[in-house]
PDB file of N, CA and C in Angstrom:
ATOM      1  N   MET A   1     -26.648  26.631  -2.711  1.00  0.00           N
ATOM      2  CA  MET A   1     -27.329  25.563  -2.211  1.00  0.00           C
ATOM      3  C   MET A   1     -25.802  24.170  -2.321  1.00  0.00           C
ATOM      4  N   SER A   2     -25.844  23.338  -1.379  1.00  0.00           N
ATOM      5  CA  SER A   2     -24.821  22.206  -1.414  1.00  0.00           C
ATOM      6  C   SER A   2     -25.551  20.848  -1.757  1.00  0.00           C
ATOM      7  N   VAL A   3     -24.591  19.934  -2.210  1.00  0.00           N
ATOM      8  CA  VAL A   3     -25.041  18.954  -2.435  1.00  0.00           C
ATOM      9  C   VAL A   3     -25.061  17.694  -0.694  1.00  0.00           C
ATOM     10  N   THR A   4     -26.163  17.385  -0.212  1.00  0.00           N
ATOM     11  CA  THR A   4     -26.671  16.060   1.062  1.00  0.00           C
ATOM     12  C   THR A   4     -25.600  14.869   0.489  1.00  0.00           C
ATOM     13  N   TYR A   5     -25.335  14.471   0.280  1.00  0.00           N
ATOM     14  CA  TYR A   5     -24.613  13.109   0.125  1.00  0.00           C
ATOM     15  C   TYR A   5     -23.167  13.265  -0.459  1.00  0.00           C
ATOM     16  N   ASN A   6     -22.402  13.079   0.418  1.00  0.00           N
ATOM     17  CA  ASN A   6     -20.996  13.194   0.285  1.00  0.00           C
ATOM     18  C   ASN A   6     -20.546  11.825   0.778  1.00  0.00           C
ATOM     19  N   PRO A   7     -20.433  10.985  -0.470  1.00  0.00           N
ATOM     20  CA  PRO A   7     -19.668   9.534   0.806  1.00  0.00           C
ATOM     21  C   PRO A   7     -18.445   9.581   0.797  1.00  0.00           C
ATOM     22  N   LYS A   8     -18.257   8.532   1.717  1.00  0.00           N
ATOM     23  CA  LYS A   8     -16.708   9.080   2.487  1.00  0.00           C
ATOM     24  C   LYS A   8     -16.418   7.193   3.171  1.00  0.00           C
ATOM     25  N   LYS A   9     -16.082   6.326   2.636  1.00  0.00           N
ATOM     26  CA  LYS A   9     -15.810   5.378   2.936  1.00  0.00           C
ATOM     27  C   LYS A   9     -15.866   4.683   4.631  1.00  0.00           C
ATOM     28  N   ARG A  10     -15.233   5.763   5.278  1.00  0.00           N
ATOM     29  CA  ARG A  10     -14.695   5.313   6.723  1.00  0.00           C
ATOM     30  C   ARG A  10     -16.248   5.767   7.419  1.00  0.00           C
ATOM     31  N   LYS A  11     -16.841   6.821   6.705  1.00  0.00           N
ATOM     32  CA  LYS A  11     -18.227   7.027   7.907  1.00  0.00           C
ATOM     33  C   LYS A  11     -18.883   5.934   7.466  1.00  0.00           C
ATOM     34  N   ARG A  12     -19.150   5.333   6.154  1.00  0.00           N
ATOM     35  CA  ARG A  12     -20.179   4.131   5.820  1.00  0.00           C
ATOM     36  C   ARG A  12     -19.805   3.057   6.871  1.00  0.00           C
ATOM     37  N   ALA A  13     -18.187   2.719   7.098  1.00  0.00           N
ATOM     38  CA  ALA A  13     -18.062   1.520   7.640  1.00  0.00           C
ATOM     39  C   ALA A  13     -18.527   1.573   8.994  1.00  0.00           C
ATOM     40  N   LYS A  14     -18.424   2.675   9.752  1.00  0.00           N
ATOM     41  CA  LYS A  14     -18.388   3.146  11.253  1.00  0.00           C
ATOM     42  C   LYS A  14     -20.038   3.548  11.441  1.00  0.00           C
ATOM     43  N   THR A  15     -20.712   3.605  10.351  1.00  0.00           N
ATOM     44  CA  THR A  15     -21.730   3.753  10.933  1.00  0.00           C
ATOM     45  C   THR A  15     -23.144   1.976  10.569  1.00  0.00           C
ATOM     46  N   HIS A  16     -22.296   1.835   8.991  1.00  0.00           N
ATOM     47  CA  HIS A  16     -23.234   0.646   8.965  1.00  0.00           C
ATOM     48  C   HIS A  16     -22.592  -1.077   8.494  1.00  0.00           C
ATOM     49  N   GLY A  17     -21.344  -0.990   9.297  1.00  0.00           N
ATOM     50  CA  GLY A  17     -20.228  -1.509   9.454  1.00  0.00           C
ATOM     51  C   GLY A  17     -20.651  -3.250  10.087  1.00  0.00           C
ATOM     52  N   PHE A  18     -19.760  -3.976  10.090  1.00  0.00           N
ATOM     53  CA  PHE A  18     -20.516  -5.538  10.152  1.00  0.00           C
ATOM     54  C   PHE A  18     -19.735  -5.202  12.178  1.00  0.00           C
ATOM     55  N   LEU A  19     -18.624  -5.018  12.654  1.00  0.00           N
ATOM     56  CA  LEU A  19     -18.615  -4.531  13.827  1.00  0.00           C
ATOM     57  C   LEU A  19     -19.669  -3.528  14.430  1.00  0.00           C
ATOM     58  N   VAL A  20     -20.265  -2.547  14.200  1.00  0.00           N
ATOM     59  CA  VAL A  20     -21.463  -1.848  14.830  1.00  0.00           C
ATOM     60  C   VAL A  20     -22.188  -2.570  15.039  1.00  0.00           C
ATOM     61  N   ARG A  21     -22.832  -3.412  13.717  1.00  0.00           N
ATOM     62  CA  ARG A  21     -23.926  -3.965  13.700  1.00  0.00           C
ATOM     63  C   ARG A  21     -24.172  -5.088  14.909  1.00  0.00           C
ATOM     64  N   SER A  22     -22.896  -5.691  15.227  1.00  0.00           N
ATOM     65  CA  SER A  22     -22.854  -6.607  15.683  1.00  0.00           C
ATOM     66  C   SER A  22     -22.664  -6.524  17.180  1.00  0.00           C
ATOM     67  N   SER A  23     -22.735  -5.006  17.700  1.00  0.00           N
ATOM     68  CA  SER A  23     -22.376  -4.943  19.273  1.00  0.00           C
ATOM     69  C   SER A  23     -23.264  -4.107  20.096  1.00  0.00           C
ATOM     70  N   SER A  24     -24.691  -3.805  19.056  1.00  0.00           N
ATOM     71  CA  SER A  24     -25.818  -3.842  19.786  1.00  0.00           C
ATOM     72  C   SER A  24     -26.784  -4.820  19.586  1.00  0.00           C
ATOM     73  N   PRO A  25     -27.887  -4.924  20.442  1.00  0.00           N
ATOM     74  CA  PRO A  25     -28.938  -6.145  20.404  1.00  0.00           C
ATOM     75  C   PRO A  25     -29.600  -5.769  19.226  1.00  0.00           C
ATOM     76  N   THR A  26     -30.133  -4.207  18.658  1.00  0.00           N
ATOM     77  CA  THR A  26     -30.756  -4.715  17.324  1.00  0.00           C
ATOM     78  C   THR A  26     -29.814  -4.434  16.116  1.00  0.00           C
ATOM     79  N   GLY A  27     -28.576  -4.030  16.074  1.00  0.00           N
ATOM     80  CA  GLY A  27     -28.000  -4.664  15.364  1.00  0.00           C
ATOM     81  C   GLY A  27     -27.420  -5.738  15.062  1.00  0.00           C
ATOM     82  N   LYS A  28     -27.576  -6.846  15.657  1.00  0.00           N
ATOM     83  CA  LYS A  28     -27.588  -8.076  15.948  1.00  0.00           C
ATOM     84  C   LYS A  28     -29.161  -8.898  14.803  1.00  0.00           C
ATOM     85  N   LYS A  29     -30.195  -7.999  15.188  1.00  0.00           N
ATOM     86  CA  LYS A  29     -31.059  -8.690  14.666  1.00  0.00           C
ATOM     87  C   LYS A  29     -31.453  -8.450  13.799  1.00  0.00           C
ATOM     88  N   VAL A  30     -30.831  -7.301  12.598  1.00  0.00           N
ATOM     89  CA  VAL A  30     -30.580  -7.025  11.348  1.00  0.00           C
ATOM     90  C   VAL A  30     -29.633  -8.121  10.574  1.00  0.00           C
ATOM     91  N   LEU A  31     -28.367  -8.208  11.414  1.00  0.00           N
ATOM     92  CA  LEU A  31     -27.484  -9.354  10.776  1.00  0.00           C
ATOM     93  C   LEU A  31     -28.107 -10.746  10.682  1.00  0.00           C
ATOM     94  N   THR A  32     -29.093 -11.003  11.679  1.00  0.00           N
ATOM     95  CA  THR A  32     -29.548 -12.516  11.731  1.00  0.00           C
ATOM     96  C   THR A  32     -30.751 -12.000  10.669  1.00  0.00           C
ATOM     97  N   ALA A  33     -31.320 -11.165  10.492  1.00  0.00           N
ATOM     98  CA  ALA A  33     -32.619 -10.704   9.621  1.00  0.00           C
ATOM     99  C   ALA A  33     -31.973 -11.253   8.194  1.00  0.00           C
ATOM    100  N   ARG A  34     -30.737 -10.468   7.766  1.00  0.00           N
ATOM    101  CA  ARG A  34     -30.189 -10.522   6.719  1.00  0.00           C
ATOM    102  C   ARG A  34     -29.820 -12.181   6.183  1.00  0.00           C
ATOM    103  N   ARG A  35     -29.252 -13.242   7.287  1.00  0.00           N
ATOM    104  CA  ARG A  35     -28.914 -14.028   6.838  1.00  0.00           C
ATOM    105  C   ARG A  35     -29.833 -14.901   6.411  1.00  0.00           C
ATOM    106  N   ARG A  36     -31.217 -14.758   7.345  1.00  0.00           N
ATOM    107  CA  ARG A  36     -32.103 -15.445   7.225  1.00  0.00           C
ATOM    108  C   ARG A  36     -32.745 -15.363   6.111  1.00  0.00           C
ATOM    109  N   LYS A  37     -32.836 -14.023   5.824  1.00  0.00           N
ATOM    110  CA  LYS A  37     -33.238 -13.410   4.196  1.00  0.00           C
ATOM    111  C   LYS A  37     -32.584 -14.515   2.602  1.00  0.00           C
ATOM    112  N   GLY A  38     -30.944 -14.790   3.224  1.00  0.00           N
ATOM    113  CA  GLY A  38     -30.508 -15.110   2.277  1.00  0.00           C
ATOM    114  C   GLY A  38     -29.329 -14.057   1.388  1.00  0.00           C
ATOM    115  N   ARG A  39     -29.128 -12.887   2.067  1.00  0.00           N
ATOM    116  CA  ARG A  39     -27.809 -12.172   1.344  1.00  0.00           C
ATOM    117  C   ARG A  39     -27.201 -11.887   1.126  1.00  0.00           C
ATOM    118  N   ALA A  40     -26.379 -11.791   0.104  1.00  0.00           N
ATOM    119  CA  ALA A  40     -25.139 -11.814  -0.399  1.00  0.00           C
ATOM    120  C   ALA A  40     -24.279 -11.322   0.397  1.00  0.00           C
ATOM    121  N   GLN A  41     -24.535 -10.139   0.891  1.00  0.00           N
ATOM    122  CA  GLN A  41     -23.807  -9.067   2.029  1.00  0.00           C
ATOM    123  C   GLN A  41     -24.580  -9.458   3.098  1.00  0.00           C
ATOM    124  N   ILE A  42     -23.776  -9.100   3.971  1.00  0.00           N
ATOM    125  CA  ILE A  42     -24.826  -8.928   5.706  1.00  0.00           C
ATOM    126  C   ILE A  42     -24.663  -7.828   6.304  1.00  0.00           C
ATOM    127  N   ALA A  43     -23.503  -7.200   5.995  1.00  0.00           N
ATOM    128  CA  ALA A  43     -23.200  -5.875   6.232  1.00  0.00           C
ATOM    129  C   ALA A  43     -22.583  -5.390   5.218  1.00  0.00           C
ATOM    130  N   VAL A  44     -22.084  -3.431   5.181  1.00  0.00           N
ATOM    131  CA  VAL A  44     -21.234  -2.709   4.169  1.00  0.00           C
ATOM    132  C   VAL A  44     -20.031  -3.934   3.939  1.00  0.00           C
ATOM    133  N   LYS A  45     -19.524  -3.718   2.968  1.00  0.00           N
ATOM    134  CA  LYS A  45     -18.573  -4.430   2.212  1.00  0.00           C
ATOM    135  C   LYS A  45     -17.161  -3.107   2.823  1.00  0.00           C
ATOM    136  N   THR A  46     -16.417  -3.446   3.235  1.00  0.00           N
ATOM    137  CA  THR A  46     -15.142  -2.254   3.024  1.00  0.00           C
ATOM    138  C   THR A  46     -13.803  -2.801   3.121  1.00  0.00           C
ATOM    139  N   THR A  47     -13.002  -1.877   2.477  1.00  0.00           N
ATOM    140  CA  THR A  47     -11.609  -2.829   1.894  1.00  0.00           C
ATOM    141  C   THR A  47     -10.743  -1.491   2.946  1.00  0.00           C
ATOM    142  N   LYS A  48     -10.124  -1.846   3.275  1.00  0.00           N
ATOM    143  CA  LYS A  48      -8.775  -0.705   3.823  1.00  0.00           C
ATOM    144  C   LYS A  48      -8.500   0.465   2.917  1.00  0.00           C
ATOM    145  N   THR A  49      -8.224   1.492   3.765  1.00  0.00           N
ATOM    146  CA  THR A  49      -8.115   2.415   2.349  1.00  0.00           C
ATOM    147  C   THR A  49      -6.210   2.711   2.505  1.00  0.00           C
ATOM    148  N   LYS A  50      -5.208   3.349   1.502  1.00  0.00           N
ATOM    149  CA  LYS A  50      -4.059   3.817   2.206  1.00  0.00           C
ATOM    150  C   LYS A  50      -4.561   5.159   2.588  1.00  0.00           C
ATOM    151  N   THR A  51      -3.425   4.910   3.829  1.00  0.00           N
ATOM    152  CA  THR A  51      -3.301   6.204   4.810  1.00  0.00           C
ATOM    153  C   THR A  51      -1.550   7.125   3.842  1.00  0.00           C
ATOM    154  N   LYS A  52      -1.543   7.959   4.040  1.00  0.00           N
ATOM    155  CA  LYS A  52      -0.199   8.739   3.879  1.00  0.00           C
ATOM    156  C   LYS A  52       0.068   8.944   5.064  1.00  0.00           C
TER     157      LYS A  52
END
């Protein structure tokens, strides 16, 4: 049996990143709600990775 969670930074950013959130109406609601709540991070923090 295989492990189900195999984290990838790119996949995480493409699914939960700021640009994805701000591109849809429901994503905008999520960002607004997180801002209102006072979250330190309103979206997934991503850093550029080195490409060979």
